[in-house]
Each structure stands twice: as structure tokens, then as C-alpha cells.
């Protein structure tokens, strides 16, 4: 699965970004609006909800738990400094998707115990789209975390994030990540929709190769 995270851009509005990636085949969008007030979140969120409904895509809000039911989003993604997952679950109920950010296996373990539906784990490498970066993981970091998850039987989707390029996709999928979240790679491309298609094709191809190797 390829996930797209919105970000402010001088030339591409948040709704345009979303339409580009949905048209290209992406089916998971996270609306990130750091510093926005509820009025802006509501206006943009409702527009993205309509787009995601048209393409039968999942819409996740970043951080703002209170706006999930107002917009009709499918869930929320919570950073390490945001509301704890178990508190969000009490507010949103059992049916909403709740993801959390991790940088270490201890983060993953905590999020699993709190009832997260998936883990956004990173950063893979340096990225300019997020401030106050945690230590970079690289392939070795993901491999170590995934192995610890297997050892402790934590069966949650792990989504890699942070400066990932198309060329990184095969190695990350081969390691065992469940998906890849991207933002800057799309928004910095001359043709965002073409770049999104490249990511989707790369992930699909990598999964086919992995499945083929696993059946041998």
C-alpha cells in the first residue's frame, strides 16, 4: 500500500494534491494541516472527504482527533507528542482507524499495547517535510524492528516513511514493511501524478517478486 500525506505547497493546493494522487491510483490519503485552525481543517477536510468518496479511498486526519467525526474521516494518525492511542480510541470508538508514529521498537510495542491499527515508522532518511526528525533508521533499522516484532508476535502493519524514493521501494518491501508513506517525493516531482504511478507500480512489482520468492 502506498499512502500519501498532504503538505503545504506554493503551487499545488491540498485538494489538487489529493486529486492528482487519487487519479494515479493511490487509495490512502492523510490530511496533514499543522498549525491550521478548525475552520480550515473543516473546509479542506470536507473537500478531501468528497474526493476520497469518489475514488473509494481512505481518509486519515493527522493529529486532530476532535475533527474526525465532524469531517467523517476514516481515522486519525497520532504523532509521538499527540494524544495517546488509547485515549483517542475512547473518543472515536472501535471502528475508526488509529495509527501512531514510531522510531524504535519500544514505540511500536507501546502503540500495539494501546490498540493502534497500524504503525507509521521512520524516518527512513532525512526529509524536509517534517521538523524535529527522530534518528534515521535506514534499512538496518527497519530490519531490526521487524525482527523484534516477529519475536514478540506483534502483528501490525508497519508503514515506512521519511525521504523514501521509488528506488527504495523494492528493498523496503523485501524487508517486510506493509506499506510506504510519501509526501515530498510526489510534491517535488514535475508531474506528481506520474510519480505516484511510479511508486504504485514499484510497490506492486516488489510484492509480486516477494510473493513469488516465498512460494519457492
Foldseek 3Di string as FASTA:
>chain_A
DEEEEEADDPPADRLRLLLLLLVLPDAHYEYEDPPDDPVVCQVSLLSSVVVNVVSVHAYEYEQDLVCCVVNVHQYYEYEPPGDQLLVSCVVPDDRGAYEYEDAALVVVVRNVVSPHQAYEYADCDADPRDPPDDDHQHLPNLLVSVVVCVVVVPDHAYEYEHPDALVCQLSVVLSPHNYYYDYCNQSVDPRSSVRSNSNVVSNVVSVVVNVVVVVD
